[in-house]
Amino acid sequence: MQIQVRNSESEVPSTELERIFDKFYRVPQGDRWQYGGTGLGLTLVKQMVVDLQGVIEVSSHKD
């Protein structure tokens, strides 16, 4: 099974891609945080995928 998700709000800079699965990490949005959150969502998703012997990947098409 393959699932693809696209973020239509803003692209993640390629320099930040390695860190987006880190606990509590949030991509900088300038002087303020545009969206709330704890920075745990993608960490939890990655752990679930790994636990189910899956693979999770990320790419950015805009810098």
PDB file of N, CA and C in Angstrom:
ATOM      1  N   MET A   1       0.845  -1.159   0.000  1.00  0.00           N
ATOM      2  CA  MET A   1       0.000   0.000   0.000  1.00  0.00           C
ATOM      3  C   MET A   1       0.897   1.231   0.000  1.00  0.00           C
ATOM      4  N   GLN A   2       0.482   2.232  -0.740  1.00  0.00           N
ATOM      5  CA  GLN A   2       1.210   3.497  -0.758  1.00  0.00           C
ATOM      6  C   GLN A   2       0.208   4.621  -0.551  1.00  0.00           C
ATOM      7  N   ILE A   3       0.555   5.534   0.344  1.00  0.00           N
ATOM      8  CA  ILE A   3      -0.283   6.703   0.620  1.00  0.00           C
ATOM      9  C   ILE A   3       0.579   7.932   0.401  1.00  0.00           C
ATOM     10  N   GLN A   4       0.046   8.903  -0.321  1.00  0.00           N
ATOM     11  CA  GLN A   4       0.762  10.157  -0.532  1.00  0.00           C
ATOM     12  C   GLN A   4      -0.063  11.296   0.040  1.00  0.00           C
ATOM     13  N   VAL A   5       0.634  12.213   0.695  1.00  0.00           N
ATOM     14  CA  VAL A   5      -0.011  13.388   1.279  1.00  0.00           C
ATOM     15  C   VAL A   5       0.684  14.618   0.724  1.00  0.00           C
ATOM     16  N   ARG A   6      -0.096  15.606   0.354  1.00  0.00           N
ATOM     17  CA  ARG A   6       0.475  16.846  -0.171  1.00  0.00           C
ATOM     18  C   ARG A   6       0.039  18.003   0.716  1.00  0.00           C
ATOM     19  N   ASN A   7       0.987  18.838   1.056  1.00  0.00           N
ATOM     20  CA  ASN A   7       0.715  20.035   1.840  1.00  0.00           C
ATOM     21  C   ASN A   7       0.521  21.182   0.859  1.00  0.00           C
ATOM     22  N   SER A   8      -0.681  21.703   0.778  1.00  0.00           N
ATOM     23  CA  SER A   8      -0.951  22.776  -0.181  1.00  0.00           C
ATOM     24  C   SER A   8      -0.788  24.165   0.431  1.00  0.00           C
ATOM     25  N   GLU A   9      -0.588  24.242   1.724  1.00  0.00           N
ATOM     26  CA  GLU A   9      -0.464  25.540   2.397  1.00  0.00           C
ATOM     27  C   GLU A   9       0.903  26.167   2.190  1.00  0.00           C
ATOM     28  N   SER A  10       1.940  25.443   2.508  1.00  0.00           N
ATOM     29  CA  SER A  10       3.299  25.961   2.358  1.00  0.00           C
ATOM     30  C   SER A  10       4.244  24.785   2.182  1.00  0.00           C
ATOM     31  N   GLU A  11       5.288  24.999   1.451  1.00  0.00           N
ATOM     32  CA  GLU A  11       6.272  23.950   1.219  1.00  0.00           C
ATOM     33  C   GLU A  11       7.322  23.976   2.325  1.00  0.00           C
ATOM     34  N   VAL A  12       7.868  22.820   2.615  1.00  0.00           N
ATOM     35  CA  VAL A  12       8.941  22.706   3.595  1.00  0.00           C
ATOM     36  C   VAL A  12      10.259  22.870   2.844  1.00  0.00           C
ATOM     37  N   PRO A  13      11.097  23.822   3.250  1.00  0.00           N
ATOM     38  CA  PRO A  13      12.390  23.995   2.575  1.00  0.00           C
ATOM     39  C   PRO A  13      13.223  22.716   2.661  1.00  0.00           C
ATOM     40  N   SER A  14      13.957  22.405   1.612  1.00  0.00           N
ATOM     41  CA  SER A  14      14.747  21.171   1.586  1.00  0.00           C
ATOM     42  C   SER A  14      15.760  21.117   2.727  1.00  0.00           C
ATOM     43  N   THR A  15      16.188  22.272   3.222  1.00  0.00           N
ATOM     44  CA  THR A  15      17.139  22.306   4.341  1.00  0.00           C
ATOM     45  C   THR A  15      16.509  21.832   5.646  1.00  0.00           C
ATOM     46  N   GLU A  16      15.194  21.785   5.723  1.00  0.00           N
ATOM     47  CA  GLU A  16      14.497  21.380   6.947  1.00  0.00           C
ATOM     48  C   GLU A  16      13.996  19.935   6.898  1.00  0.00           C
ATOM     49  N   LEU A  17      14.059  19.285   5.748  1.00  0.00           N
ATOM     50  CA  LEU A  17      13.452  17.967   5.578  1.00  0.00           C
ATOM     51  C   LEU A  17      13.998  16.913   6.530  1.00  0.00           C
ATOM     52  N   GLU A  18      15.296  16.932   6.814  1.00  0.00           N
ATOM     53  CA  GLU A  18      15.889  15.912   7.687  1.00  0.00           C
ATOM     54  C   GLU A  18      15.372  16.007   9.112  1.00  0.00           C
ATOM     55  N   ARG A  19      14.857  17.156   9.501  1.00  0.00           N
ATOM     56  CA  ARG A  19      14.481  17.375  10.899  1.00  0.00           C
ATOM     57  C   ARG A  19      12.988  17.239  11.175  1.00  0.00           C
ATOM     58  N   ILE A  20      12.140  17.157  10.164  1.00  0.00           N
ATOM     59  CA  ILE A  20      10.699  17.252  10.425  1.00  0.00           C
ATOM     60  C   ILE A  20      10.128  16.080  11.214  1.00  0.00           C
ATOM     61  N   PHE A  21      10.853  14.974  11.311  1.00  0.00           N
ATOM     62  CA  PHE A  21      10.386  13.846  12.113  1.00  0.00           C
ATOM     63  C   PHE A  21      10.949  13.875  13.538  1.00  0.00           C
ATOM     64  N   ASP A  22      11.787  14.862  13.861  1.00  0.00           N
ATOM     65  CA  ASP A  22      12.350  14.988  15.212  1.00  0.00           C
ATOM     66  C   ASP A  22      11.274  15.430  16.199  1.00  0.00           C
ATOM     67  N   LYS A  23      11.356  14.902  17.418  1.00  0.00           N
ATOM     68  CA  LYS A  23      10.403  15.300  18.465  1.00  0.00           C
ATOM     69  C   LYS A  23      10.458  16.802  18.698  1.00  0.00           C
ATOM     70  N   PHE A  24       9.306  17.405  18.776  1.00  0.00           N
ATOM     71  CA  PHE A  24       9.104  18.821  19.104  1.00  0.00           C
ATOM     72  C   PHE A  24       9.624  19.790  18.041  1.00  0.00           C
ATOM     73  N   TYR A  25      10.057  19.279  16.902  1.00  0.00           N
ATOM     74  CA  TYR A  25      10.555  20.178  15.858  1.00  0.00           C
ATOM     75  C   TYR A  25       9.397  20.762  15.059  1.00  0.00           C
ATOM     76  N   ARG A  26       9.480  22.043  14.801  1.00  0.00           N
ATOM     77  CA  ARG A  26       8.495  22.728  13.955  1.00  0.00           C
ATOM     78  C   ARG A  26       9.253  23.576  12.946  1.00  0.00           C
ATOM     79  N   VAL A  27       8.821  23.532  11.705  1.00  0.00           N
ATOM     80  CA  VAL A  27       9.482  24.303  10.650  1.00  0.00           C
ATOM     81  C   VAL A  27       9.283  25.783  10.938  1.00  0.00           C
ATOM     82  N   PRO A  28      10.352  26.566  10.952  1.00  0.00           N
ATOM     83  CA  PRO A  28      10.227  28.003  11.218  1.00  0.00           C
ATOM     84  C   PRO A  28       9.309  28.689  10.207  1.00  0.00           C
ATOM     85  N   GLN A  29       8.465  29.579  10.698  1.00  0.00           N
ATOM     86  CA  GLN A  29       7.525  30.326   9.854  1.00  0.00           C
ATOM     87  C   GLN A  29       7.769  31.824   9.999  1.00  0.00           C
ATOM     88  N   GLY A  30       9.013  32.250   9.926  1.00  0.00           N
ATOM     89  CA  GLY A  30       9.325  33.667  10.073  1.00  0.00           C
ATOM     90  C   GLY A  30       9.339  34.077  11.536  1.00  0.00           C
ATOM     91  N   ASP A  31       8.801  35.257  11.825  1.00  0.00           N
ATOM     92  CA  ASP A  31       8.822  35.800  13.184  1.00  0.00           C
ATOM     93  C   ASP A  31       7.770  35.200  14.099  1.00  0.00           C
ATOM     94  N   ARG A  32       6.805  34.473  13.552  1.00  0.00           N
ATOM     95  CA  ARG A  32       5.739  33.920  14.391  1.00  0.00           C
ATOM     96  C   ARG A  32       5.366  32.532  13.888  1.00  0.00           C
ATOM     97  N   TRP A  33       4.716  31.770  14.752  1.00  0.00           N
ATOM     98  CA  TRP A  33       4.217  30.457  14.357  1.00  0.00           C
ATOM     99  C   TRP A  33       2.827  30.645  13.781  1.00  0.00           C
ATOM    100  N   GLN A  34       2.664  30.264  12.543  1.00  0.00           N
ATOM    101  CA  GLN A  34       1.374  30.435  11.875  1.00  0.00           C
ATOM    102  C   GLN A  34       0.364  29.400  12.355  1.00  0.00           C
ATOM    103  N   TYR A  35       0.838  28.216  12.698  1.00  0.00           N
ATOM    104  CA  TYR A  35      -0.053  27.130  13.095  1.00  0.00           C
ATOM    105  C   TYR A  35       0.341  26.643  14.484  1.00  0.00           C
ATOM    106  N   GLY A  36      -0.631  26.197  15.242  1.00  0.00           N
ATOM    107  CA  GLY A  36      -0.359  25.636  16.554  1.00  0.00           C
ATOM    108  C   GLY A  36       0.166  24.218  16.423  1.00  0.00           C
ATOM    109  N   GLY A  37       0.379  23.589  17.529  1.00  0.00           N
ATOM    110  CA  GLY A  37       0.837  22.205  17.524  1.00  0.00           C
ATOM    111  C   GLY A  37       1.983  22.014  18.488  1.00  0.00           C
ATOM    112  N   THR A  38       2.251  20.752  18.762  1.00  0.00           N
ATOM    113  CA  THR A  38       3.300  20.417  19.720  1.00  0.00           C
ATOM    114  C   THR A  38       4.608  20.020  19.058  1.00  0.00           C
ATOM    115  N   GLY A  39       4.568  19.708  17.779  1.00  0.00           N
ATOM    116  CA  GLY A  39       5.761  19.208  17.107  1.00  0.00           C
ATOM    117  C   GLY A  39       5.945  17.715  17.290  1.00  0.00           C
ATOM    118  N   LEU A  40       4.876  17.018  17.664  1.00  0.00           N
ATOM    119  CA  LEU A  40       4.957  15.569  17.866  1.00  0.00           C
ATOM    120  C   LEU A  40       4.245  14.760  16.789  1.00  0.00           C
ATOM    121  N   GLY A  41       3.415  15.386  15.994  1.00  0.00           N
ATOM    122  CA  GLY A  41       2.577  14.660  15.033  1.00  0.00           C
ATOM    123  C   GLY A  41       3.357  13.774  14.079  1.00  0.00           C
ATOM    124  N   LEU A  42       4.330  14.334  13.386  1.00  0.00           N
ATOM    125  CA  LEU A  42       5.096  13.539  12.424  1.00  0.00           C
ATOM    126  C   LEU A  42       6.007  12.531  13.113  1.00  0.00           C
ATOM    127  N   THR A  43       6.451  12.832  14.325  1.00  0.00           N
ATOM    128  CA  THR A  43       7.241  11.868  15.096  1.00  0.00           C
ATOM    129  C   THR A  43       6.407  10.630  15.395  1.00  0.00           C
ATOM    130  N   LEU A  44       5.168  10.836  15.820  1.00  0.00           N
ATOM    131  CA  LEU A  44       4.276   9.714  16.130  1.00  0.00           C
ATOM    132  C   LEU A  44       3.914   8.923  14.877  1.00  0.00           C
ATOM    133  N   VAL A  45       3.647   9.623  13.790  1.00  0.00           N
ATOM    134  CA  VAL A  45       3.329   8.946  12.528  1.00  0.00           C
ATOM    135  C   VAL A  45       4.504   8.083  12.082  1.00  0.00           C
ATOM    136  N   LYS A  46       5.710   8.634  12.136  1.00  0.00           N
ATOM    137  CA  LYS A  46       6.885   7.865  11.723  1.00  0.00           C
ATOM    138  C   LYS A  46       7.052   6.622  12.589  1.00  0.00           C
ATOM    139  N   GLN A  47       6.854   6.760  13.892  1.00  0.00           N
ATOM    140  CA  GLN A  47       7.007   5.607  14.776  1.00  0.00           C
ATOM    141  C   GLN A  47       5.986   4.520  14.458  1.00  0.00           C
ATOM    142  N   MET A  48       4.754   4.920  14.178  1.00  0.00           N
ATOM    143  CA  MET A  48       3.725   3.935  13.813  1.00  0.00           C
ATOM    144  C   MET A  48       4.082   3.227  12.508  1.00  0.00           C
ATOM    145  N   VAL A  49       4.550   3.972  11.531  1.00  0.00           N
ATOM    146  CA  VAL A  49       4.929   3.380  10.243  1.00  0.00           C
ATOM    147  C   VAL A  49       6.073   2.392  10.432  1.00  0.00           C
ATOM    148  N   VAL A  50       7.077   2.776  11.197  1.00  0.00           N
ATOM    149  CA  VAL A  50       8.216   1.893  11.461  1.00  0.00           C
ATOM    150  C   VAL A  50       7.755   0.645  12.217  1.00  0.00           C
ATOM    151  N   ASP A  51       6.880   0.813  13.208  1.00  0.00           N
ATOM    152  CA  ASP A  51       6.365  -0.326  13.973  1.00  0.00           C
ATOM    153  C   ASP A  51       5.626  -1.326  13.083  1.00  0.00           C
ATOM    154  N   LEU A  52       5.018  -0.821  12.019  1.00  0.00           N
ATOM    155  CA  LEU A  52       4.291  -1.677  11.076  1.00  0.00           C
ATOM    156  C   LEU A  52       5.175  -2.116   9.908  1.00  0.00           C
ATOM    157  N   GLN A  53       6.490  -1.936  10.070  1.00  0.00           N
ATOM    158  CA  GLN A  53       7.499  -2.328   9.092  1.00  0.00           C
ATOM    159  C   GLN A  53       7.312  -1.616   7.752  1.00  0.00           C
ATOM    160  N   GLY A  54       6.896  -0.380   7.826  1.00  0.00           N
ATOM    161  CA  GLY A  54       6.713   0.430   6.627  1.00  0.00           C
ATOM    162  C   GLY A  54       7.847   1.422   6.448  1.00  0.00           C
ATOM    163  N   VAL A  55       7.707   2.234   5.443  1.00  0.00           N
ATOM    164  CA  VAL A  55       8.697   3.258   5.118  1.00  0.00           C
ATOM    165  C   VAL A  55       7.961   4.576   4.968  1.00  0.00           C
ATOM    166  N   ILE A  56       8.532   5.634   5.523  1.00  0.00           N
ATOM    167  CA  ILE A  56       7.964   6.968   5.356  1.00  0.00           C
ATOM    168  C   ILE A  56       9.048   7.856   4.756  1.00  0.00           C
ATOM    169  N   GLU A  57       8.670   8.613   3.740  1.00  0.00           N
ATOM    170  CA  GLU A  57       9.612   9.489   3.052  1.00  0.00           C
ATOM    171  C   GLU A  57       8.987  10.859   2.887  1.00  0.00           C
ATOM    172  N   VAL A  58       9.841  11.844   2.702  1.00  0.00           N
ATOM    173  CA  VAL A  58       9.366  13.211   2.491  1.00  0.00           C
ATOM    174  C   VAL A  58      10.229  13.854   1.408  1.00  0.00           C
ATOM    175  N   SER A  59       9.597  14.713   0.620  1.00  0.00           N
ATOM    176  CA  SER A  59      10.344  15.477  -0.377  1.00  0.00           C
ATOM    177  C   SER A  59       9.711  16.848  -0.499  1.00  0.00           C
ATOM    178  N   SER A  60      10.478  17.771  -1.037  1.00  0.00           N
ATOM    179  CA  SER A  60       9.986  19.125  -1.236  1.00  0.00           C
ATOM    180  C   SER A  60      10.209  19.499  -2.692  1.00  0.00           C
ATOM    181  N   HIS A  61       9.225  20.144  -3.273  1.00  0.00           N
ATOM    182  CA  HIS A  61       9.323  20.527  -4.678  1.00  0.00           C
ATOM    183  C   HIS A  61       9.460  22.025  -4.861  1.00  0.00           C
ATOM    184  N   LYS A  62       9.612  22.740  -3.751  1.00  0.00           N
ATOM    185  CA  LYS A  62       9.739  24.191  -3.832  1.00  0.00           C
ATOM    186  C   LYS A  62      10.712  24.653  -2.758  1.00  0.00           C
ATOM    187  N   ASP A  63      11.612  25.542  -3.090  1.00  0.00           N
ATOM    188  CA  ASP A  63      12.561  26.109  -2.126  1.00  0.00           C
ATOM    189  C   ASP A  63      12.506  27.601  -2.197  1.00  0.00           C
TER     190      ASP A  63
END
